[in-house]
Amino acid sequence: MSFSTKITRPLQLITRTLQWSSAVIVMGLTSYFIHHGPRGQHTIYQEVISTISVVFFLPAFISPFLPSSLSKVVLAIDVVFSYLWLTAFIFAAQDYSTSRCYYAIPAGLGCKRKRANEAFIFLAFIFTFFGMLLEVAALWAYRRENNSNHSATEPKYNSGTRPPMDAPAAPAGTV
């Protein structure tokens, strides 16, 4: 499948919007948990990751328009945060996917909110992962488009010592 920047830019923006929105929802739900109950290590981890993500995901909204300067930074952020979100999802699955969901921290809150938090943590992870793949595809498409444009407009010089293969042959006896 051939990617171009016309295809990858809208896909990147959609993915980045869903990624950032998921992080904001996780931040809100986890803040609600912290406000209404005791704070566990997993809850604090999820809050920290979601809060930091909301800030660090902002350059990703600009990277489709400045791929030469921002793509590498955004790609590095995506790699790091994909692992952080995966860890947060594992913690949430350990806490909320068992029959002890009601008693998990914060105890006494319904499982619907806890499982919604788990679902949005997974969405933040998966959109970060897809964003990383789209960032690589967009950078590849950008470089391919720009390299083909430069090579078509630049004159080709023969830097070798022999004449090019399509040059006329030298007349006999002049060698």
Foldseek 3Di string as FASTA:
>chain_A
DADALVVLLVVLQVLLVLLLVLLVLLLVLLVVLVVPAPDDPLSVLSNVLSVVCNVLSVVSNCCSVVVVPCLVVLLVVLVVSLVSLVVSLVVLCVAQVDPCVCCGRVHNDDSVSSVVSSVSSVSSNVSSVVSNVSSVSHSVNVVVVVVVVVVVPDDDDDPDDDDDPPDDDDDPPPD
